[in-house]
Every structure is written in structure tokens, then in C-alpha cells.
Amino acid sequence: MYIRPVTAKCGDGDDRDIQTMQHRGIGYVASFEQFHPTDMLRWSQQAEQAGFEAVAASDHFHPWTPEQGHSAFVWSWMGALGASTNLRFGTAVTPPGWRYHPAILAQAAATLEAMYPGRFYLGLGAGEALNEHIVGEYWPEAGVRSARLWEAIEIMNKLLTGKVTKHSGKYFNLESAKIYTRPETPPPLYVATAGPLNAGKTGQYTDGVMLVGAADEKLKGLIEKFEEGARKAGKDPAQMPKILLIKISLAATEEAAGEQALKEWPNGGMPFPKGDIRNPEDFREMAKLVRPENFKNRVTMTPDLNRHVELIQHYIDLGFDEVYVHNVGRNQEEFIERYGKEVIPHLKWKNANP
């Protein structure tokens, strides 16, 4: 499998070390399942003013439940975000090989990085039937989905070098393709993973890892496998981004936070794999079984923002460079304002970039 060199170039400028593209800070999650894109653009601008460093945008074709009500095309929106803010941004996450052929994703990623140098990243994952079944292909088991992901990443890494690329693989074919509009340096590719095998491959074949909030033991184990994979490819894992995404429900009381999560984000309380469920209507029926207690250790409910500071600082101390926060409630402006005043100023990163 093609491994992107430690120093990679895809344009005509000087080589730059991809691994040095490491940032630290708090990111805002733009939940495309829940909100209109115009509102999220405004909130992202407000987040920048409040001290958020970046945006992670979900890439869905459907919302989880019909009641969430939205599912705009994230790639149109990211162009507007780049033009109207100075934030870094990317997807959390995009599955290659279903709605998008990997060549198209590579072209899209190269274009955004060419327009907004040093600001775009491509977050990738294996995908869910909710969004990907729409193309009418057979939806396979998890192992096959992972295999498709890594073959797609191989294609994208080759294309992002700017060379003419051909590929004849188990899942994808590519004939004499070359990306002409390229940035000076390839955009970083991150993979969201929850298992040790893919965590190792993420370190070996990509530029950084994205994890979701979990028990410390699980997070440490995944990071260890990621670092092993990076060293196997001759990379320094200490210089590779480690990104965490967490969910909160910010409300006046813990009870209100639980009710809000139950109404707005019931899928977050479903303690089972959701990758094979195809329709928002099916999730709506399953949501009837979810109770506020099902969100324990999945969505932070406390109204005490000092505890939010403690939680996020704990993740920073575990070694995460960036923590992206998704408030599942509709009170986005309140969340942004309060985090800007009461949370972000109190967080400390070791060796933070000036």
C-alpha cells in the first residue's frame, strides 16, 4: 500500500513536512444533521470570535432522525466557511467510496487546501448505511467497509502527489487521473477509528487520528496502536495530530440537559452499533427506547462549566492536541458565548504553538 512520504509535495513549491502541521485548541462541531447551513456559518463566525480554533463539520446525506430536520451538502458550505472566517476546518467525517469516488474526494480536498492553505483537513471514516446506502450498492460487513476505506486512502494519497495515477483494485478502478489544481502541500488526511487494527493503520498511512470520547483505557489503547503504526512507517507520532470529539448537552440543570439530549440527539444514547441502520424513520422508532440515563459517559450533562474545564483539560493531559465540542442542544449561541468566556480561557496545552 502506498504510504505518503514524511515530506510530501503536491504543487510546485518547496517541500514541507506534513507532520509539523500540528495545532492545539478547542474546535466547534457544525452538526449538519440538526441545523440550517446559514445558521451554522453564522455560529462558526461567532465561534471564531469567542476563541474556537477550528470547525469539524459532519458529512451526512440524511439526519439521524426526521425530527433533527437537516442534512445540507457540507462541501458547498466549507467553501463559504473558508471565505468568511480564518478558522481551520474539515469533515468529521467523510466516507470515501460510496457517495464519493476517492478521486473526487481527492480533487475536492486539494481545491479547498489550494484556496485556504494550511486550513483544511479531510476527516475520513468507513461510513454508515444511513447515508451511503442511497447509491444502491450492497452494504457489506464492517471488515469490508474498512478494506474499502484503506484502498480509497491509497488512491487519494497517490493522487495528491500530483502524478498521473492508475489503480486497479478490489473495490476501485482509476484510469489515468491527475489533479491539476493542487496546493503547495497536500491537505492532511485523518481517520476516525474505534478499533485497534484501524488505529494502527491510521498511524501508518495517514497524518492524524480522530477519536470520540470514551473511557481512558480505550483512548490510551487506541493512541498506542496509532503511535505504533506511525513508527512502523518511519514517522514521529509526537508530531502527528491526535484529535478528540466530545458531546455535551448544555442546559440550566442536569435534568434539562438530559431532556434536551433525548429530544435533539437520541442517537447519542443508543448503546449499540448503528452502522447498518438505513433510515431516519428507523432511528426514530429506536429513539423511543432511549432514556436520559443512557447518555451517561456518552454526553456530558452537567451545567457546571468548571467541570467542563476539568473534563477537557483531562483529555488534553492525555495527549490530545485538539478537542472538538458538539453541543447537541439548539442553544448554540449561548454555548459558544459561555465556552468563550468560561471554558476556553482556562485550558492549557503543553508546548502550545505561539
Protein backbone atom coordinates (compact mmCIF):
# COMPACT_ATOMS: atom_id res chain seq x y z
CA MET A 1 0.00 0.00 0.00
CA TYR A 2 1.26 3.49 -0.87
CA ILE A 3 2.48 5.43 2.18
CA ARG A 4 2.67 9.19 1.79
CA PRO A 5 6.27 10.28 2.38
CA VAL A 6 7.12 12.11 5.60
CA THR A 7 7.95 15.09 3.41
CA ALA A 8 5.38 15.36 0.64
CA LYS A 9 4.77 17.88 -2.10
CA CYS A 10 1.82 18.15 -4.46
CA GLY A 11 2.42 21.56 -6.02
CA ASP A 12 5.39 23.41 -7.45
CA GLY A 13 6.60 24.99 -4.22
CA ASP A 14 9.18 23.82 -1.68
CA ASP A 15 8.73 20.59 0.23
CA ARG A 16 7.16 20.99 3.63
CA ASP A 17 6.96 18.43 6.40
CA ILE A 18 3.32 17.39 6.75
CA GLN A 19 3.89 16.18 10.29
CA THR A 20 4.66 19.71 11.53
CA MET A 21 1.11 20.77 10.68
CA GLN A 22 0.01 20.31 14.28
CA HIS A 23 -2.39 22.63 16.03
CA ARG A 24 -3.79 22.87 19.51
CA GLY A 25 -7.08 24.29 20.68
CA ILE A 26 -10.83 23.85 21.00
CA GLY A 27 -12.94 23.24 17.92
CA TYR A 28 -16.60 23.82 17.18
CA VAL A 29 -18.69 20.99 15.73
CA ALA A 30 -21.13 22.04 12.98
CA SER A 31 -23.90 19.44 13.13
CA PHE A 32 -25.34 19.26 9.63
CA GLU A 33 -28.00 16.80 10.79
CA GLN A 34 -29.54 19.41 13.07
CA PHE A 35 -29.13 22.90 11.66
CA HIS A 36 -29.51 25.03 8.55
CA PRO A 37 -26.15 25.76 6.88
CA THR A 38 -26.67 29.52 7.01
CA ASP A 39 -27.11 29.36 10.77
CA MET A 40 -24.01 27.20 11.15
CA LEU A 41 -21.98 29.66 9.11
CA ARG A 42 -23.01 32.47 11.45
CA TRP A 43 -22.30 30.37 14.53
CA SER A 44 -18.88 29.40 13.17
CA GLN A 45 -18.06 33.08 12.73
CA GLN A 46 -19.18 33.70 16.31
CA ALA A 47 -17.11 30.72 17.47
CA GLU A 48 -14.01 32.24 15.89
CA GLN A 49 -14.58 35.47 17.77
CA ALA A 50 -15.11 33.51 21.00
CA GLY A 51 -11.76 31.74 20.75
CA PHE A 52 -12.56 28.47 18.99
CA GLU A 53 -9.69 27.50 16.68
CA ALA A 54 -11.36 25.24 14.12
CA VAL A 55 -14.58 23.66 12.86
CA ALA A 56 -15.42 19.99 12.32
CA ALA A 57 -18.43 19.56 10.04
CA SER A 58 -20.44 16.36 9.72
CA ASP A 59 -20.96 14.92 6.24
CA HIS A 60 -24.42 13.34 6.06
CA PHE A 61 -26.99 12.72 3.38
CA HIS A 62 -29.70 12.03 6.00
CA PRO A 63 -30.20 13.22 9.56
CA TRP A 64 -30.26 10.55 12.26
CA THR A 65 -33.96 11.17 12.92
CA PRO A 66 -36.53 13.06 10.84
CA GLU A 67 -37.00 15.48 13.73
CA GLN A 68 -33.41 16.71 13.51
CA GLY A 69 -34.55 18.14 10.24
CA HIS A 70 -31.48 18.95 8.14
CA SER A 71 -28.71 17.43 6.04
CA ALA A 72 -27.14 20.03 3.77
CA PHE A 73 -24.19 19.36 1.44
CA VAL A 74 -21.12 20.07 3.55
CA TRP A 75 -18.72 20.60 0.64
CA SER A 76 -20.62 23.65 -0.62
CA TRP A 77 -20.67 25.06 2.88
CA MET A 78 -16.96 24.61 3.56
CA GLY A 79 -16.09 26.91 0.67
CA ALA A 80 -18.22 29.61 2.27
CA LEU A 81 -16.69 28.94 5.69
CA GLY A 82 -13.19 29.33 4.31
CA ALA A 83 -14.07 32.63 2.66
CA SER A 84 -15.81 34.14 5.70
CA THR A 85 -13.51 33.07 8.56
CA ASN A 86 -9.85 32.37 9.25
CA LEU A 87 -10.64 29.09 11.01
CA ARG A 88 -9.19 25.72 10.14
CA PHE A 89 -11.88 23.29 9.11
CA GLY A 90 -12.66 19.86 7.77
CA THR A 91 -15.07 16.95 7.77
CA ALA A 92 -15.91 14.70 10.70
CA VAL A 93 -16.15 12.52 8.85
CA THR A 94 -16.46 11.68 5.13
CA PRO A 95 -16.62 8.04 3.98
CA PRO A 96 -14.88 7.54 0.63
CA GLY A 97 -16.11 5.09 -1.94
CA TRP A 98 -19.88 5.25 -1.66
CA ARG A 99 -21.40 8.67 -2.35
CA TYR A 100 -17.95 9.89 -3.39
CA HIS A 101 -15.38 8.13 -5.53
CA PRO A 102 -11.97 8.62 -3.87
CA ALA A 103 -10.71 10.56 -6.92
CA ILE A 104 -13.47 13.13 -6.47
CA LEU A 105 -12.70 13.44 -2.77
CA ALA A 106 -9.02 13.96 -3.51
CA GLN A 107 -9.91 16.67 -6.04
CA ALA A 108 -12.29 18.38 -3.60
CA ALA A 109 -9.75 18.27 -0.77
CA ALA A 110 -6.97 19.62 -2.99
CA THR A 111 -9.17 22.50 -4.13
CA LEU A 112 -10.08 23.61 -0.60
CA GLU A 113 -6.46 23.38 0.56
CA ALA A 114 -5.32 25.31 -2.52
CA MET A 115 -7.82 28.08 -1.74
CA TYR A 116 -7.18 28.13 2.02
CA PRO A 117 -3.60 26.93 2.57
CA GLY A 118 -2.91 25.28 5.89
CA ARG A 119 -6.55 25.46 6.95
CA PHE A 120 -8.26 22.36 5.54
CA TYR A 121 -8.12 18.76 6.71
CA LEU A 122 -10.02 15.74 5.39
CA GLY A 123 -11.51 13.56 8.12
CA LEU A 124 -12.35 10.08 6.85
CA GLY A 125 -14.29 7.08 8.12
CA ALA A 126 -15.76 3.78 6.98
CA GLY A 127 -19.31 5.13 6.70
CA GLU A 128 -22.83 4.22 7.78
CA ALA A 129 -25.72 2.75 5.85
CA LEU A 130 -27.84 5.74 6.88
CA ASN A 131 -26.01 7.89 4.32
CA GLU A 132 -24.24 5.51 1.99
CA HIS A 133 -27.00 3.00 1.10
CA ILE A 134 -28.61 5.62 -1.14
CA VAL A 135 -26.33 4.72 -4.07
CA GLY A 136 -27.94 1.28 -4.20
CA GLU A 137 -24.85 -0.86 -3.65
CA TYR A 138 -24.82 -3.85 -1.33
CA TRP A 139 -23.97 -2.70 2.20
CA PRO A 140 -21.22 -5.04 3.44
CA GLU A 141 -19.90 -6.14 6.80
CA ALA A 142 -17.62 -3.88 8.83
CA GLY A 143 -14.42 -5.61 7.67
CA VAL A 144 -15.20 -4.95 4.03
CA ARG A 145 -16.09 -1.34 4.77
CA SER A 146 -12.68 -0.90 6.39
CA ALA A 147 -10.93 -2.53 3.44
CA ARG A 148 -12.68 -0.13 1.06
CA LEU A 149 -11.62 2.79 3.26
CA TRP A 150 -7.93 1.87 3.10
CA GLU A 151 -7.98 1.22 -0.62
CA ALA A 152 -9.62 4.62 -1.11
CA ILE A 153 -6.96 6.29 1.04
CA GLU A 154 -4.24 4.67 -1.06
CA ILE A 155 -5.79 6.19 -4.19
CA MET A 156 -6.17 9.63 -2.61
CA ASN A 157 -2.60 9.68 -1.31
CA LYS A 158 -1.31 8.87 -4.79
CA LEU A 159 -3.48 11.49 -6.48
CA LEU A 160 -2.47 14.18 -4.01
CA THR A 161 1.15 13.86 -5.16
CA GLY A 162 0.06 15.44 -8.45
CA LYS A 163 1.24 12.48 -10.51
CA VAL A 164 -0.80 10.65 -13.14
CA THR A 165 -2.42 7.81 -11.25
CA LYS A 166 -3.82 4.48 -12.33
CA HIS A 167 -5.38 1.96 -10.00
CA SER A 168 -6.92 -1.45 -10.44
CA GLY A 169 -8.01 -2.77 -7.08
CA LYS A 170 -10.53 -5.00 -5.41
CA TYR A 171 -13.05 -2.19 -4.88
CA PHE A 172 -11.99 0.73 -7.09
CA ASN A 173 -10.57 1.42 -10.52
CA LEU A 174 -8.91 4.59 -11.73
CA GLU A 175 -7.69 5.30 -15.24
CA SER A 176 -5.04 7.96 -16.00
CA ALA A 177 -6.17 10.54 -13.45
CA LYS A 178 -4.23 13.64 -12.43
CA ILE A 179 -5.23 16.52 -10.16
CA TYR A 180 -4.12 19.77 -11.77
CA THR A 181 -5.29 22.36 -9.22
CA ARG A 182 -3.18 21.50 -6.21
CA PRO A 183 -2.00 23.19 -3.03
CA GLU A 184 1.68 23.54 -2.25
CA THR A 185 1.35 20.84 0.40
CA PRO A 186 -1.24 18.04 0.45
CA PRO A 187 -4.08 18.53 2.92
CA PRO A 188 -3.72 16.26 5.94
CA LEU A 189 -5.84 13.11 5.98
CA TYR A 190 -7.21 12.00 9.35
CA VAL A 191 -9.15 8.83 10.09
CA ALA A 192 -11.83 8.36 12.75
CA THR A 193 -11.40 4.95 14.33
CA ALA A 194 -12.71 2.98 17.28
CA GLY A 195 -10.69 -0.23 16.92
CA PRO A 196 -7.02 -1.14 17.41
CA LEU A 197 -6.40 -2.54 13.91
CA ASN A 198 -7.60 0.59 12.14
CA ALA A 199 -5.84 2.78 14.71
CA GLY A 200 -2.54 1.18 13.71
CA LYS A 201 -3.24 1.64 10.01
CA THR A 202 -4.20 5.26 10.67
CA GLY A 203 -0.77 5.94 12.11
CA GLN A 204 0.91 4.15 9.23
CA TYR A 205 -0.98 5.52 6.23
CA THR A 206 -2.43 8.91 7.24
CA ASP A 207 -1.46 12.12 9.00
CA GLY A 208 -3.51 12.04 12.22
CA VAL A 209 -6.21 10.26 14.19
CA MET A 210 -9.72 11.30 15.24
CA LEU A 211 -11.37 9.61 18.23
CA VAL A 212 -14.64 10.11 20.06
CA GLY A 213 -14.95 10.45 23.82
CA ALA A 214 -14.62 7.12 25.64
CA ALA A 215 -13.09 5.56 28.75
CA ASP A 216 -9.47 6.49 29.37
CA GLU A 217 -8.31 2.89 28.93
CA LYS A 218 -9.83 2.67 25.47
CA LEU A 219 -8.47 6.05 24.36
CA LYS A 220 -4.97 5.20 25.61
CA GLY A 221 -5.06 1.84 23.84
CA LEU A 222 -6.09 3.39 20.53
CA ILE A 223 -3.42 6.07 20.78
CA GLU A 224 -0.80 3.39 21.50
CA LYS A 225 -1.78 1.48 18.35
CA PHE A 226 -1.80 4.70 16.33
CA GLU A 227 1.71 5.52 17.53
CA GLU A 228 2.95 2.00 16.76
CA GLY A 229 1.66 2.34 13.21
CA ALA A 230 3.29 5.75 12.79
CA ARG A 231 6.67 4.47 13.93
CA LYS A 232 6.34 1.50 11.60
CA ALA A 233 6.11 3.97 8.70
CA GLY A 234 9.10 5.98 9.93
CA LYS A 235 7.02 8.84 11.29
CA ASP A 236 7.25 10.60 14.66
CA PRO A 237 3.85 10.14 16.36
CA ALA A 238 4.59 13.01 18.73
CA GLN A 239 4.30 15.34 15.74
CA MET A 240 1.04 13.86 14.42
CA PRO A 241 -2.35 15.34 15.38
CA LYS A 242 -4.46 13.48 17.91
CA ILE A 243 -8.00 14.81 17.80
CA LEU A 244 -10.90 14.09 20.13
CA LEU A 245 -14.59 14.81 19.53
CA ILE A 246 -16.89 15.05 22.54
CA LYS A 247 -20.60 15.78 23.00
CA ILE A 248 -22.26 17.92 25.61
CA SER A 249 -25.81 18.98 26.36
CA LEU A 250 -25.64 22.46 27.86
CA ALA A 251 -28.73 23.45 29.86
CA ALA A 252 -29.69 25.13 33.13
CA THR A 253 -29.93 21.86 35.05
CA GLU A 254 -28.73 18.30 34.60
CA GLU A 255 -32.33 17.17 34.23
CA ALA A 256 -32.98 19.72 31.49
CA ALA A 257 -29.76 18.66 29.77
CA GLY A 258 -30.96 15.05 29.74
CA GLU A 259 -34.32 16.01 28.31
CA GLN A 260 -32.61 18.14 25.67
CA ALA A 261 -30.31 15.30 24.63
CA LEU A 262 -33.24 12.92 24.47
CA LYS A 263 -35.15 15.28 22.18
CA GLU A 264 -32.37 16.58 19.97
CA TRP A 265 -29.80 13.77 19.87
CA PRO A 266 -31.42 10.44 20.84
CA ASN A 267 -28.97 8.52 18.65
CA GLY A 268 -26.26 9.52 21.13
CA GLY A 269 -27.95 7.39 23.78
CA MET A 270 -28.19 4.22 21.70
CA PRO A 271 -25.65 1.76 23.19
CA PHE A 272 -25.25 -0.41 20.10
CA PRO A 273 -23.60 -0.21 16.66
CA LYS A 274 -25.58 1.97 14.26
CA GLY A 275 -23.67 1.44 11.04
CA ASP A 276 -26.20 -0.91 9.43
CA ILE A 277 -29.40 1.09 10.06
CA ARG A 278 -30.63 2.67 6.84
CA ASN A 279 -33.39 5.18 7.51
CA PRO A 280 -34.06 8.12 9.85
CA GLU A 281 -37.50 6.68 10.48
CA ASP A 282 -35.92 3.53 11.92
CA PHE A 283 -33.82 5.62 14.26
CA ARG A 284 -36.95 7.50 15.32
CA GLU A 285 -38.56 4.22 16.40
CA MET A 286 -35.43 3.14 18.26
CA ALA A 287 -35.28 6.54 19.96
CA LYS A 288 -38.48 5.67 21.83
CA LEU A 289 -36.43 3.20 23.88
CA VAL A 290 -33.76 5.72 24.88
CA ARG A 291 -33.82 7.24 28.37
CA PRO A 292 -31.74 10.09 29.84
CA GLU A 293 -29.61 7.62 31.81
CA ASN A 294 -28.47 6.06 28.51
CA PHE A 295 -26.38 9.16 27.85
CA LYS A 296 -24.09 8.51 30.82
CA ASN A 297 -20.44 8.64 29.69
CA ARG A 298 -21.63 9.48 26.17
CA VAL A 299 -22.86 13.08 26.52
CA THR A 300 -21.68 15.46 29.26
CA MET A 301 -24.77 16.80 31.03
CA THR A 302 -23.55 19.00 33.86
CA PRO A 303 -24.44 22.73 33.81
CA ASP A 304 -21.27 23.45 35.83
CA LEU A 305 -18.77 24.73 33.28
CA ASN A 306 -15.94 24.27 35.77
CA ARG A 307 -16.50 20.54 35.32
CA HIS A 308 -16.36 21.03 31.55
CA VAL A 309 -12.96 22.67 32.02
CA GLU A 310 -11.80 19.75 34.16
CA LEU A 311 -13.03 17.19 31.64
CA ILE A 312 -11.44 18.83 28.60
CA GLN A 313 -8.21 19.54 30.48
CA HIS A 314 -8.09 15.85 31.39
CA TYR A 315 -8.27 14.94 27.69
CA ILE A 316 -5.56 17.49 26.88
CA ASP A 317 -3.36 15.95 29.57
CA LEU A 318 -3.96 12.53 28.00
CA GLY A 319 -2.22 13.87 24.92
CA PHE A 320 -4.94 15.21 22.63
CA ASP A 321 -3.93 18.24 20.59
CA GLU A 322 -7.42 19.37 19.64
CA VAL A 323 -10.79 18.78 21.29
CA TYR A 324 -13.91 19.46 19.22
CA VAL A 325 -17.09 20.07 21.19
CA HIS A 326 -20.60 19.32 19.90
CA ASN A 327 -23.39 20.87 21.94
CA VAL A 328 -26.42 18.78 20.97
CA GLY A 329 -28.91 21.46 22.02
CA ARG A 330 -30.43 24.21 19.93
CA ASN A 331 -28.84 26.87 22.15
CA GLN A 332 -25.72 27.22 20.00
CA GLU A 333 -25.16 30.94 20.58
CA GLU A 334 -25.34 30.51 24.35
CA PHE A 335 -22.93 27.56 24.18
CA ILE A 336 -20.42 29.49 22.05
CA GLU A 337 -20.56 32.59 24.23
CA ARG A 338 -20.25 30.73 27.53
CA TYR A 339 -17.44 28.47 26.33
CA GLY A 340 -15.60 31.51 25.03
CA LYS A 341 -15.79 33.21 28.42
CA GLU A 342 -15.84 30.37 30.94
CA VAL A 343 -14.08 27.37 29.41
CA ILE A 344 -11.55 28.15 26.65
CA PRO A 345 -9.51 30.75 28.62
CA HIS A 346 -8.86 28.21 31.39
CA LEU A 347 -7.47 25.40 29.23
CA LYS A 348 -3.73 24.83 28.94
CA TRP A 349 -1.79 22.88 26.31
CA LYS A 350 1.83 21.84 26.77
CA ASN A 351 4.17 23.34 24.19
CA ALA A 352 1.30 25.22 22.54
CA ASN A 353 2.04 26.92 19.25
CA PRO A 354 2.57 30.70 19.67
